[in-house]
Amino acid sequence: MLLLIFLCGLLIPVLPWEIWTYHQTGEVILLITNGPLSIMDGLTFAVNSKGYRGDFQIPGAVETEMTNLDAQGYRLDSFPAILKAAWVELQQQPVGMVQLFILKALRGWYATDSGRGEIQTLIIHTLYLILLILSFFFCWRGKAYRFLALTTGVLILYFWGMTTRVLSILRYMSFAFAFGFLLVPGLVLFLVKKFQKTRQ
């Protein structure tokens, strides 16, 4: 039910515009049409400064893979083409590609587009993440809050997956973090009950 409400919340602001554009053009226009560019940006961010990105400290094998993919960028204009190129690189240089995907998955929790302030963000959001994991654990233990914990976990995994698929930066995870804080009262309730038991 909560997932349905969430999906309706996403559709309500967009639906009138989609209906109007379909009436005017006879076509369904997607909100995002630069999907392949976003995916390529996520695979080559450290070798593509765009004039505002700093120097990224990445393993040499990852930089090699990014350079290889960037060199093919002119013909990687669709998701199947990118997937095929990534698969070829994975077969030829498995260590570099695995490191690249691990790096992308981790960067979704702390990274910025410019690469600036990432250490500070990593420290702060590590504390947040510990709080959310503890909150999830204690909400899961309480049967009354298990569905909320499951729903929140699925949403966070969804946003994490989408962020990892494109340019992995924290901005795309902000909503998931905010939603995750719905679980914090479960942790507070557990601590209050624990404190009350020790006082008895």
N, C-alpha and C. Protein backbone atom coordinates (compact mmCIF):
# COMPACT_ATOMS: atom_id res chain seq x y z
N MET A 1 0.83 -1.20 0.00
CA MET A 1 0.00 0.00 0.00
C MET A 1 0.86 1.26 0.00
N LEU A 2 1.92 1.24 0.84
CA LEU A 2 2.81 2.39 0.90
C LEU A 2 3.53 2.60 -0.44
N LEU A 3 3.91 1.51 -1.10
CA LEU A 3 4.55 1.63 -2.40
C LEU A 3 3.59 2.23 -3.43
N LEU A 4 2.33 1.84 -3.36
CA LEU A 4 1.33 2.38 -4.27
C LEU A 4 1.15 3.88 -4.05
N ILE A 5 1.10 4.29 -2.80
CA ILE A 5 0.98 5.72 -2.47
C ILE A 5 2.20 6.48 -2.99
N PHE A 6 3.37 5.87 -2.84
CA PHE A 6 4.61 6.50 -3.31
C PHE A 6 4.58 6.68 -4.82
N LEU A 7 4.15 5.64 -5.55
CA LEU A 7 4.08 5.72 -7.01
C LEU A 7 3.07 6.76 -7.46
N CYS A 8 1.94 6.83 -6.76
CA CYS A 8 0.93 7.86 -7.08
C CYS A 8 1.50 9.26 -6.85
N GLY A 9 2.29 9.41 -5.80
CA GLY A 9 2.93 10.70 -5.51
C GLY A 9 3.88 11.12 -6.61
N LEU A 10 4.52 10.14 -7.27
CA LEU A 10 5.40 10.46 -8.39
C LEU A 10 4.61 10.79 -9.66
N LEU A 11 3.48 10.10 -9.85
CA LEU A 11 2.72 10.26 -11.08
C LEU A 11 1.86 11.53 -11.11
N ILE A 12 1.31 11.90 -9.96
CA ILE A 12 0.35 13.02 -9.92
C ILE A 12 0.92 14.32 -10.50
N PRO A 13 2.16 14.73 -10.14
CA PRO A 13 2.67 15.99 -10.72
C PRO A 13 2.97 15.88 -12.22
N VAL A 14 3.27 14.67 -12.69
CA VAL A 14 3.72 14.48 -14.07
C VAL A 14 2.57 14.20 -15.03
N LEU A 15 1.55 13.52 -14.55
CA LEU A 15 0.48 13.04 -15.41
C LEU A 15 -0.23 14.13 -16.21
N PRO A 16 -0.60 15.28 -15.62
CA PRO A 16 -1.26 16.32 -16.44
C PRO A 16 -0.40 16.78 -17.61
N TRP A 17 0.90 16.94 -17.36
CA TRP A 17 1.80 17.36 -18.44
C TRP A 17 1.89 16.29 -19.51
N GLU A 18 1.99 15.01 -19.11
CA GLU A 18 2.06 13.91 -20.08
C GLU A 18 0.79 13.84 -20.93
N ILE A 19 -0.36 14.02 -20.29
CA ILE A 19 -1.64 13.99 -21.03
C ILE A 19 -1.70 15.14 -22.03
N TRP A 20 -1.29 16.33 -21.59
CA TRP A 20 -1.31 17.50 -22.47
C TRP A 20 -0.38 17.33 -23.65
N THR A 21 0.86 16.86 -23.42
CA THR A 21 1.82 16.68 -24.51
C THR A 21 1.37 15.57 -25.47
N TYR A 22 0.74 14.53 -24.92
CA TYR A 22 0.24 13.47 -25.80
C TYR A 22 -0.90 14.00 -26.68
N HIS A 23 -1.74 14.85 -26.11
CA HIS A 23 -2.85 15.44 -26.86
C HIS A 23 -2.32 16.35 -27.97
N GLN A 24 -1.21 17.07 -27.68
CA GLN A 24 -0.64 18.00 -28.65
C GLN A 24 0.18 17.32 -29.72
N THR A 25 0.93 16.28 -29.34
CA THR A 25 1.89 15.67 -30.26
C THR A 25 1.52 14.25 -30.71
N GLY A 26 0.64 13.58 -29.94
CA GLY A 26 0.31 12.20 -30.26
C GLY A 26 1.39 11.22 -29.84
N GLU A 27 2.37 11.69 -29.04
CA GLU A 27 3.47 10.86 -28.58
C GLU A 27 3.60 10.94 -27.06
N VAL A 28 4.07 9.85 -26.47
CA VAL A 28 4.41 9.85 -25.05
C VAL A 28 5.86 10.28 -24.93
N ILE A 29 6.09 11.41 -24.28
CA ILE A 29 7.44 11.96 -24.15
C ILE A 29 7.97 11.63 -22.76
N LEU A 30 9.09 10.94 -22.71
CA LEU A 30 9.70 10.58 -21.43
C LEU A 30 10.32 11.80 -20.78
N LEU A 31 10.33 11.81 -19.46
CA LEU A 31 10.93 12.93 -18.73
C LEU A 31 12.44 12.98 -18.95
N ILE A 32 13.05 11.80 -19.07
CA ILE A 32 14.49 11.73 -19.27
C ILE A 32 14.75 11.01 -20.59
N THR A 33 15.45 11.68 -21.49
CA THR A 33 15.75 11.08 -22.78
C THR A 33 17.25 10.89 -23.00
N ASN A 34 18.07 11.27 -22.01
CA ASN A 34 19.52 11.16 -22.18
C ASN A 34 20.08 10.01 -21.33
N GLY A 35 19.30 8.92 -21.23
CA GLY A 35 19.72 7.79 -20.42
C GLY A 35 21.10 7.26 -20.78
N PRO A 36 21.38 6.96 -22.09
CA PRO A 36 22.72 6.46 -22.45
C PRO A 36 23.84 7.42 -22.08
N LEU A 37 23.61 8.73 -22.24
CA LEU A 37 24.64 9.71 -21.87
C LEU A 37 24.92 9.68 -20.37
N SER A 38 23.86 9.52 -19.57
CA SER A 38 24.03 9.46 -18.12
C SER A 38 24.79 8.20 -17.71
N ILE A 39 24.49 7.08 -18.39
CA ILE A 39 25.19 5.83 -18.09
C ILE A 39 26.67 5.96 -18.46
N MET A 40 26.96 6.53 -19.63
CA MET A 40 28.35 6.71 -20.04
C MET A 40 29.08 7.66 -19.12
N ASP A 41 28.40 8.69 -18.66
CA ASP A 41 29.02 9.64 -17.72
C ASP A 41 29.42 8.91 -16.44
N GLY A 42 28.56 7.99 -15.99
CA GLY A 42 28.87 7.23 -14.79
C GLY A 42 30.02 6.26 -14.97
N LEU A 43 30.26 5.84 -16.21
CA LEU A 43 31.35 4.90 -16.49
C LEU A 43 32.67 5.59 -16.80
N THR A 44 32.62 6.90 -17.03
CA THR A 44 33.84 7.61 -17.47
C THR A 44 34.09 8.90 -16.70
N PHE A 45 33.42 9.10 -15.56
CA PHE A 45 33.47 10.40 -14.88
C PHE A 45 34.89 10.85 -14.53
N ALA A 46 35.77 9.92 -14.19
CA ALA A 46 37.11 10.30 -13.73
C ALA A 46 38.04 10.72 -14.87
N VAL A 47 37.67 10.38 -16.10
CA VAL A 47 38.49 10.77 -17.25
C VAL A 47 37.78 11.80 -18.12
N ASN A 48 36.67 12.31 -17.61
CA ASN A 48 35.86 13.30 -18.32
C ASN A 48 35.60 14.47 -17.37
N SER A 49 36.48 15.42 -17.32
CA SER A 49 36.40 16.48 -16.31
C SER A 49 35.24 17.44 -16.53
N LYS A 50 34.81 17.62 -17.78
CA LYS A 50 33.73 18.55 -18.14
C LYS A 50 34.02 19.99 -17.72
N GLY A 51 35.26 20.26 -17.36
CA GLY A 51 35.66 21.62 -17.01
C GLY A 51 35.42 22.01 -15.57
N TYR A 52 34.75 21.16 -14.78
CA TYR A 52 34.48 21.54 -13.39
C TYR A 52 34.81 20.43 -12.40
N ARG A 53 35.11 19.26 -12.87
CA ARG A 53 35.42 18.15 -11.97
C ARG A 53 36.90 18.19 -11.57
N GLY A 54 37.15 17.81 -10.31
CA GLY A 54 38.51 17.73 -9.83
C GLY A 54 39.15 16.41 -10.21
N ASP A 55 40.32 16.17 -9.65
CA ASP A 55 41.02 14.90 -9.89
C ASP A 55 40.48 13.84 -8.95
N PHE A 56 40.10 12.71 -9.50
CA PHE A 56 39.59 11.60 -8.71
C PHE A 56 40.72 10.59 -8.46
N GLN A 57 40.83 10.17 -7.21
CA GLN A 57 41.81 9.15 -6.86
C GLN A 57 41.17 7.78 -7.05
N ILE A 58 41.51 7.13 -8.16
CA ILE A 58 40.92 5.82 -8.48
C ILE A 58 42.04 4.85 -8.82
N PRO A 59 41.79 3.54 -8.66
CA PRO A 59 42.81 2.55 -9.03
C PRO A 59 43.17 2.64 -10.51
N GLY A 60 44.42 2.30 -10.84
CA GLY A 60 44.89 2.37 -12.21
C GLY A 60 44.06 1.52 -13.16
N ALA A 61 43.65 0.31 -12.70
CA ALA A 61 42.86 -0.58 -13.56
C ALA A 61 41.51 0.04 -13.90
N VAL A 62 40.93 0.77 -12.95
CA VAL A 62 39.64 1.43 -13.18
C VAL A 62 39.81 2.58 -14.19
N GLU A 63 40.87 3.33 -14.03
CA GLU A 63 41.13 4.43 -14.96
C GLU A 63 41.33 3.91 -16.38
N THR A 64 41.99 2.76 -16.51
CA THR A 64 42.19 2.15 -17.82
C THR A 64 40.85 1.78 -18.46
N GLU A 65 39.97 1.18 -17.65
CA GLU A 65 38.66 0.79 -18.17
C GLU A 65 37.84 2.01 -18.57
N MET A 66 37.89 3.06 -17.75
CA MET A 66 37.17 4.29 -18.08
C MET A 66 37.68 4.89 -19.39
N THR A 67 39.00 4.87 -19.56
CA THR A 67 39.60 5.41 -20.78
C THR A 67 39.18 4.59 -21.99
N ASN A 68 39.17 3.27 -21.85
CA ASN A 68 38.75 2.39 -22.95
C ASN A 68 37.31 2.65 -23.36
N LEU A 69 36.43 2.78 -22.37
CA LEU A 69 35.02 3.03 -22.66
C LEU A 69 34.80 4.42 -23.23
N ASP A 70 35.55 5.40 -22.70
CA ASP A 70 35.42 6.77 -23.20
C ASP A 70 35.83 6.87 -24.66
N ALA A 71 36.84 6.09 -25.05
CA ALA A 71 37.30 6.09 -26.44
C ALA A 71 36.24 5.55 -27.39
N GLN A 72 35.33 4.74 -26.86
CA GLN A 72 34.25 4.18 -27.68
C GLN A 72 32.96 4.99 -27.58
N GLY A 73 33.00 6.07 -26.82
CA GLY A 73 31.79 6.82 -26.49
C GLY A 73 30.97 7.27 -27.68
N TYR A 74 31.62 7.57 -28.80
CA TYR A 74 30.91 8.09 -29.98
C TYR A 74 29.92 7.08 -30.56
N ARG A 75 30.16 5.77 -30.29
CA ARG A 75 29.23 4.77 -30.84
C ARG A 75 28.42 4.05 -29.77
N LEU A 76 28.64 4.42 -28.50
CA LEU A 76 27.86 3.82 -27.42
C LEU A 76 26.68 4.74 -27.10
N ASP A 77 25.70 4.77 -28.01
CA ASP A 77 24.59 5.71 -27.89
C ASP A 77 23.28 5.04 -27.50
N SER A 78 23.36 3.80 -27.02
CA SER A 78 22.16 3.10 -26.55
C SER A 78 22.55 2.16 -25.42
N PHE A 79 21.55 1.79 -24.64
CA PHE A 79 21.84 0.91 -23.51
C PHE A 79 22.38 -0.44 -23.96
N PRO A 80 21.81 -1.09 -24.99
CA PRO A 80 22.38 -2.37 -25.45
C PRO A 80 23.84 -2.25 -25.89
N ALA A 81 24.18 -1.13 -26.57
CA ALA A 81 25.56 -0.93 -27.04
C ALA A 81 26.51 -0.78 -25.85
N ILE A 82 26.07 -0.03 -24.84
CA ILE A 82 26.90 0.16 -23.65
C ILE A 82 27.07 -1.16 -22.91
N LEU A 83 25.98 -1.91 -22.79
CA LEU A 83 26.03 -3.20 -22.10
C LEU A 83 26.98 -4.16 -22.82
N LYS A 84 26.93 -4.17 -24.14
CA LYS A 84 27.81 -5.04 -24.92
C LYS A 84 29.28 -4.65 -24.73
N ALA A 85 29.56 -3.36 -24.76
CA ALA A 85 30.93 -2.89 -24.58
C ALA A 85 31.44 -3.21 -23.17
N ALA A 86 30.58 -3.03 -22.17
CA ALA A 86 30.97 -3.34 -20.79
C ALA A 86 31.23 -4.84 -20.63
N TRP A 87 30.43 -5.65 -21.31
CA TRP A 87 30.61 -7.11 -21.24
C TRP A 87 31.94 -7.53 -21.87
N VAL A 88 32.29 -6.91 -23.00
CA VAL A 88 33.58 -7.19 -23.65
C VAL A 88 34.73 -6.80 -22.73
N GLU A 89 34.62 -5.62 -22.10
CA GLU A 89 35.67 -5.17 -21.18
C GLU A 89 35.77 -6.09 -19.97
N LEU A 90 34.62 -6.56 -19.50
CA LEU A 90 34.60 -7.46 -18.35
C LEU A 90 35.32 -8.77 -18.67
N GLN A 91 35.16 -9.26 -19.88
CA GLN A 91 35.83 -10.49 -20.29
C GLN A 91 37.34 -10.29 -20.46
N GLN A 92 37.72 -9.11 -20.96
CA GLN A 92 39.13 -8.85 -21.22
C GLN A 92 39.88 -8.40 -19.98
N GLN A 93 39.24 -7.56 -19.18
CA GLN A 93 39.88 -7.01 -17.97
C GLN A 93 38.91 -7.13 -16.79
N PRO A 94 38.68 -8.35 -16.29
CA PRO A 94 37.66 -8.54 -15.24
C PRO A 94 37.95 -7.78 -13.95
N VAL A 95 39.21 -7.70 -13.56
CA VAL A 95 39.55 -7.02 -12.29
C VAL A 95 39.19 -5.54 -12.37
N GLY A 96 39.57 -4.89 -13.46
CA GLY A 96 39.28 -3.47 -13.62
C GLY A 96 37.80 -3.17 -13.66
N MET A 97 37.03 -3.99 -14.37
CA MET A 97 35.59 -3.75 -14.47
C MET A 97 34.88 -4.02 -13.16
N VAL A 98 35.27 -5.06 -12.45
CA VAL A 98 34.66 -5.34 -11.14
C VAL A 98 34.96 -4.19 -10.18
N GLN A 99 36.21 -3.70 -10.19
CA GLN A 99 36.56 -2.57 -9.34
C GLN A 99 35.75 -1.32 -9.72
N LEU A 100 35.52 -1.14 -11.01
CA LEU A 100 34.74 0.01 -11.47
C LEU A 100 33.31 -0.05 -10.94
N PHE A 101 32.68 -1.21 -11.03
CA PHE A 101 31.29 -1.33 -10.57
C PHE A 101 31.18 -1.25 -9.05
N ILE A 102 32.18 -1.76 -8.34
CA ILE A 102 32.19 -1.61 -6.88
C ILE A 102 32.33 -0.14 -6.51
N LEU A 103 33.23 0.55 -7.20
CA LEU A 103 33.43 1.99 -6.96
C LEU A 103 32.14 2.76 -7.22
N LYS A 104 31.45 2.44 -8.33
CA LYS A 104 30.20 3.11 -8.64
C LYS A 104 29.15 2.86 -7.57
N ALA A 105 29.07 1.62 -7.09
CA ALA A 105 28.08 1.29 -6.06
C ALA A 105 28.36 2.04 -4.76
N LEU A 106 29.63 2.16 -4.39
CA LEU A 106 29.98 2.85 -3.15
C LEU A 106 29.78 4.36 -3.27
N ARG A 107 30.11 4.91 -4.42
CA ARG A 107 30.04 6.37 -4.58
C ARG A 107 28.63 6.92 -4.49
N GLY A 108 27.63 6.07 -4.71
CA GLY A 108 26.26 6.53 -4.58
C GLY A 108 25.91 7.00 -3.19
N TRP A 109 26.71 6.63 -2.19
CA TRP A 109 26.42 6.99 -0.80
C TRP A 109 27.13 8.26 -0.33
N TYR A 110 28.06 8.79 -1.13
CA TYR A 110 28.81 9.95 -0.63
C TYR A 110 29.30 10.92 -1.72
N ALA A 111 29.30 10.52 -2.97
CA ALA A 111 30.00 11.27 -4.01
C ALA A 111 29.26 12.52 -4.46
N THR A 112 30.02 13.45 -4.99
CA THR A 112 29.46 14.66 -5.62
C THR A 112 29.88 14.67 -7.08
N ASP A 113 29.16 15.42 -7.89
CA ASP A 113 29.45 15.47 -9.32
C ASP A 113 30.82 16.08 -9.58
N SER A 114 31.18 17.08 -8.81
CA SER A 114 32.46 17.76 -9.01
C SER A 114 33.62 17.02 -8.35
N GLY A 115 33.31 16.13 -7.40
CA GLY A 115 34.36 15.42 -6.68
C GLY A 115 34.85 16.18 -5.46
N ARG A 116 34.27 17.35 -5.19
CA ARG A 116 34.72 18.15 -4.04
C ARG A 116 33.92 17.81 -2.79
N GLY A 117 34.57 17.88 -1.65
CA GLY A 117 33.91 17.67 -0.36
C GLY A 117 33.48 16.24 -0.10
N GLU A 118 34.05 15.29 -0.80
CA GLU A 118 33.58 13.91 -0.68
C GLU A 118 34.01 13.26 0.64
N ILE A 119 35.19 13.61 1.14
CA ILE A 119 35.64 13.02 2.41
C ILE A 119 34.71 13.44 3.55
N GLN A 120 34.39 14.73 3.61
CA GLN A 120 33.48 15.23 4.65
C GLN A 120 32.10 14.59 4.53
N THR A 121 31.62 14.49 3.29
CA THR A 121 30.31 13.88 3.04
C THR A 121 30.32 12.41 3.44
N LEU A 122 31.42 11.72 3.15
CA LEU A 122 31.54 10.30 3.50
C LEU A 122 31.45 10.10 5.00
N ILE A 123 32.12 10.96 5.77
CA ILE A 123 32.09 10.85 7.24
C ILE A 123 30.68 11.07 7.77
N ILE A 124 30.04 12.14 7.31
CA ILE A 124 28.69 12.48 7.79
C ILE A 124 27.69 11.39 7.42
N HIS A 125 27.74 10.95 6.18
CA HIS A 125 26.73 9.98 5.73
C HIS A 125 27.00 8.57 6.21
N THR A 126 28.24 8.30 6.61
CA THR A 126 28.50 7.01 7.26
C THR A 126 27.77 6.95 8.60
N LEU A 127 27.77 8.06 9.33
CA LEU A 127 27.03 8.13 10.59
C LEU A 127 25.53 7.97 10.35
N TYR A 128 25.02 8.66 9.31
CA TYR A 128 23.61 8.51 8.95
C TYR A 128 23.28 7.07 8.59
N LEU A 129 24.17 6.44 7.82
CA LEU A 129 23.93 5.08 7.37
C LEU A 129 23.90 4.10 8.54
N ILE A 130 24.78 4.30 9.50
CA ILE A 130 24.78 3.45 10.70
C ILE A 130 23.45 3.61 11.44
N LEU A 131 22.99 4.86 11.56
CA LEU A 131 21.71 5.12 12.22
C LEU A 131 20.56 4.43 11.48
N LEU A 132 20.56 4.49 10.15
CA LEU A 132 19.49 3.88 9.37
C LEU A 132 19.53 2.35 9.45
N ILE A 133 20.72 1.78 9.46
CA ILE A 133 20.84 0.32 9.56
C ILE A 133 20.33 -0.16 10.91
N LEU A 134 20.70 0.54 11.97
CA LEU A 134 20.20 0.18 13.31
C LEU A 134 18.69 0.33 13.38
N SER A 135 18.17 1.41 12.80
CA SER A 135 16.73 1.65 12.81
C SER A 135 16.00 0.55 12.04
N PHE A 136 16.55 0.17 10.88
CA PHE A 136 15.96 -0.90 10.08
C PHE A 136 15.94 -2.21 10.88
N PHE A 137 17.04 -2.52 11.54
CA PHE A 137 17.16 -3.77 12.29
C PHE A 137 16.11 -3.86 13.39
N PHE A 138 15.95 -2.80 14.16
CA PHE A 138 15.02 -2.85 15.28
C PHE A 138 13.56 -2.74 14.83
N CYS A 139 13.32 -2.05 13.70
CA CYS A 139 11.96 -2.05 13.14
C CYS A 139 11.61 -3.43 12.59
N TRP A 140 12.59 -4.09 12.01
CA TRP A 140 12.35 -5.43 11.48
C TRP A 140 12.04 -6.42 12.60
N ARG A 141 12.69 -6.23 13.74
CA ARG A 141 12.44 -7.12 14.89
C ARG A 141 11.03 -6.95 15.43
N GLY A 142 10.52 -5.75 15.38
CA GLY A 142 9.15 -5.50 15.84
C GLY A 142 8.17 -5.79 14.72
N LYS A 143 7.35 -6.80 14.87
CA LYS A 143 6.46 -7.24 13.78
C LYS A 143 5.54 -6.13 13.30
N ALA A 144 5.16 -5.23 14.19
CA ALA A 144 4.23 -4.16 13.81
C ALA A 144 4.85 -3.21 12.79
N TYR A 145 6.19 -3.11 12.77
CA TYR A 145 6.88 -2.17 11.88
C TYR A 145 7.62 -2.88 10.76
N ARG A 146 7.45 -4.19 10.63
CA ARG A 146 8.22 -4.94 9.65
C ARG A 146 7.89 -4.53 8.22
N PHE A 147 6.61 -4.28 7.94
CA PHE A 147 6.23 -3.89 6.58
C PHE A 147 6.83 -2.53 6.22
N LEU A 148 6.84 -1.61 7.18
CA LEU A 148 7.45 -0.31 6.94
C LEU A 148 8.94 -0.46 6.66
N ALA A 149 9.60 -1.32 7.44
CA ALA A 149 11.03 -1.56 7.23
C ALA A 149 11.27 -2.16 5.85
N LEU A 150 10.45 -3.11 5.45
CA LEU A 150 10.60 -3.76 4.14
C LEU A 150 10.38 -2.76 3.02
N THR A 151 9.32 -1.96 3.12
CA THR A 151 9.01 -0.96 2.09
C THR A 151 10.15 0.05 1.96
N THR A 152 10.65 0.50 3.09
CA THR A 152 11.74 1.47 3.08
C THR A 152 13.00 0.85 2.49
N GLY A 153 13.28 -0.39 2.87
CA GLY A 153 14.45 -1.07 2.34
C GLY A 153 14.39 -1.24 0.83
N VAL A 154 13.23 -1.58 0.31
CA VAL A 154 13.05 -1.75 -1.13
C VAL A 154 13.26 -0.42 -1.86
N LEU A 155 12.72 0.66 -1.31
CA LEU A 155 12.88 1.97 -1.93
C LEU A 155 14.35 2.39 -1.96
N ILE A 156 15.05 2.18 -0.86
CA ILE A 156 16.46 2.55 -0.79
C ILE A 156 17.26 1.73 -1.80
N LEU A 157 16.99 0.44 -1.89
CA LEU A 157 17.67 -0.42 -2.86
C LEU A 157 17.37 0.01 -4.29
N TYR A 158 16.13 0.44 -4.53
CA TYR A 158 15.75 0.91 -5.87
C TYR A 158 16.57 2.14 -6.27
N PHE A 159 16.60 3.14 -5.38
CA PHE A 159 17.34 4.35 -5.69
C PHE A 159 18.84 4.07 -5.79
N TRP A 160 19.34 3.18 -4.95
CA TRP A 160 20.76 2.81 -5.01
C TRP A 160 21.07 2.15 -6.36
N GLY A 161 20.20 1.26 -6.78
CA GLY A 161 20.39 0.60 -8.07
C GLY A 161 20.37 1.57 -9.23
N MET A 162 19.42 2.52 -9.22
CA MET A 162 19.32 3.51 -10.28
C MET A 162 20.53 4.43 -10.29
N THR A 163 20.99 4.81 -9.09
CA THR A 163 22.17 5.67 -8.99
C THR A 163 23.41 4.96 -9.51
N THR A 164 23.55 3.69 -9.15
CA THR A 164 24.70 2.92 -9.60
C THR A 164 24.68 2.75 -11.12
N ARG A 165 23.49 2.69 -11.69
CA ARG A 165 23.35 2.48 -13.14
C ARG A 165 23.84 3.70 -13.93
N VAL A 166 23.63 4.90 -13.38
CA VAL A 166 24.03 6.11 -14.10
C VAL A 166 25.25 6.73 -13.39
N LEU A 167 25.27 8.05 -13.25
CA LEU A 167 26.35 8.71 -12.54
C LEU A 167 26.11 8.55 -11.04
N SER A 168 26.99 7.85 -10.37
CA SER A 168 26.78 7.52 -8.96
C SER A 168 27.17 8.69 -8.07
N ILE A 169 26.15 9.48 -7.68
CA ILE A 169 26.38 10.60 -6.78
C ILE A 169 25.27 10.62 -5.73
N LEU A 170 25.61 11.23 -4.61
CA LEU A 170 24.71 11.24 -3.46
C LEU A 170 23.40 11.96 -3.74
N ARG A 171 23.45 12.94 -4.64
CA ARG A 171 22.24 13.72 -4.93
C ARG A 171 21.06 12.83 -5.32
N TYR A 172 21.35 11.76 -6.03
CA TYR A 172 20.29 10.85 -6.46
C TYR A 172 19.80 9.94 -5.33
N MET A 173 20.55 9.91 -4.22
CA MET A 173 20.18 9.07 -3.09
C MET A 173 19.51 9.87 -1.98
N SER A 174 19.45 11.19 -2.13
CA SER A 174 18.95 12.05 -1.05
C SER A 174 17.53 11.69 -0.64
N PHE A 175 16.68 11.43 -1.62
CA PHE A 175 15.30 11.09 -1.31
C PHE A 175 15.23 9.80 -0.51
N ALA A 176 16.05 8.81 -0.90
CA ALA A 176 16.06 7.53 -0.20
C ALA A 176 16.51 7.71 1.24
N PHE A 177 17.51 8.55 1.46
CA PHE A 177 17.95 8.83 2.82
C PHE A 177 16.82 9.45 3.64
N ALA A 178 16.13 10.42 3.05
CA ALA A 178 15.04 11.08 3.76
C ALA A 178 13.94 10.08 4.12
N PHE A 179 13.59 9.22 3.18
CA PHE A 179 12.57 8.21 3.43
C PHE A 179 13.01 7.23 4.51
N GLY A 180 14.30 6.92 4.54
CA GLY A 180 14.83 5.99 5.53
C GLY A 180 14.68 6.49 6.95
N PHE A 181 14.63 7.80 7.13
CA PHE A 181 14.52 8.34 8.49
C PHE A 181 13.15 8.11 9.11
N LEU A 182 12.21 7.60 8.31
CA LEU A 182 10.92 7.19 8.90
C LEU A 182 11.10 6.04 9.88
N LEU A 183 12.21 5.33 9.76
CA LEU A 183 12.46 4.18 10.64
C LEU A 183 13.11 4.57 11.97
N VAL A 184 13.64 5.77 12.06
CA VAL A 184 14.36 6.17 13.27
C VAL A 184 13.48 6.11 14.53
N PRO A 185 12.19 6.50 14.46
CA PRO A 185 11.36 6.35 15.67
C PRO A 185 11.32 4.92 16.20
N GLY A 186 11.46 3.93 15.33
CA GLY A 186 11.50 2.54 15.79
C GLY A 186 12.70 2.29 16.67
N LEU A 187 13.84 2.85 16.31
CA LEU A 187 15.04 2.73 17.13
C LEU A 187 14.87 3.47 18.45
N VAL A 188 14.29 4.66 18.38
CA VAL A 188 14.06 5.45 19.60
C VAL A 188 13.14 4.69 20.56
N LEU A 189 12.07 4.10 19.99
CA LEU A 189 11.13 3.33 20.81
C LEU A 189 11.82 2.15 21.49
N PHE A 190 12.69 1.46 20.76
CA PHE A 190 13.43 0.33 21.33
C PHE A 190 14.32 0.80 22.49
N LEU A 191 15.02 1.91 22.29
CA LEU A 191 15.92 2.42 23.33
C LEU A 191 15.14 2.87 24.57
N VAL A 192 13.97 3.48 24.35
CA VAL A 192 13.13 3.90 25.47
C VAL A 192 12.67 2.70 26.27
N LYS A 193 12.20 1.64 25.58
CA LYS A 193 11.76 0.43 26.26
C LYS A 193 12.90 -0.23 27.02
N LYS A 194 14.10 -0.22 26.38
CA LYS A 194 15.26 -0.81 27.03
C LYS A 194 15.61 -0.05 28.30
N PHE A 195 15.52 1.28 28.23
CA PHE A 195 15.82 2.12 29.38
C PHE A 195 14.81 1.89 30.50
N GLN A 196 13.53 1.77 30.11
CA GLN A 196 12.48 1.53 31.11
C GLN A 196 12.68 0.20 31.82
N LYS A 197 13.13 -0.82 31.11
CA LYS A 197 13.36 -2.12 31.72
C LYS A 197 14.51 -2.08 32.72
N THR A 198 15.54 -1.31 32.39
CA THR A 198 16.68 -1.21 33.31
C THR A 198 16.32 -0.43 34.57
N ARG A 199 15.30 0.42 34.50
CA ARG A 199 14.88 1.21 35.65
C ARG A 199 13.97 0.42 36.58
N GLN A 200 13.39 -0.66 36.08
CA GLN A 200 12.44 -1.43 36.89
C GLN A 200 13.17 -2.34 37.89
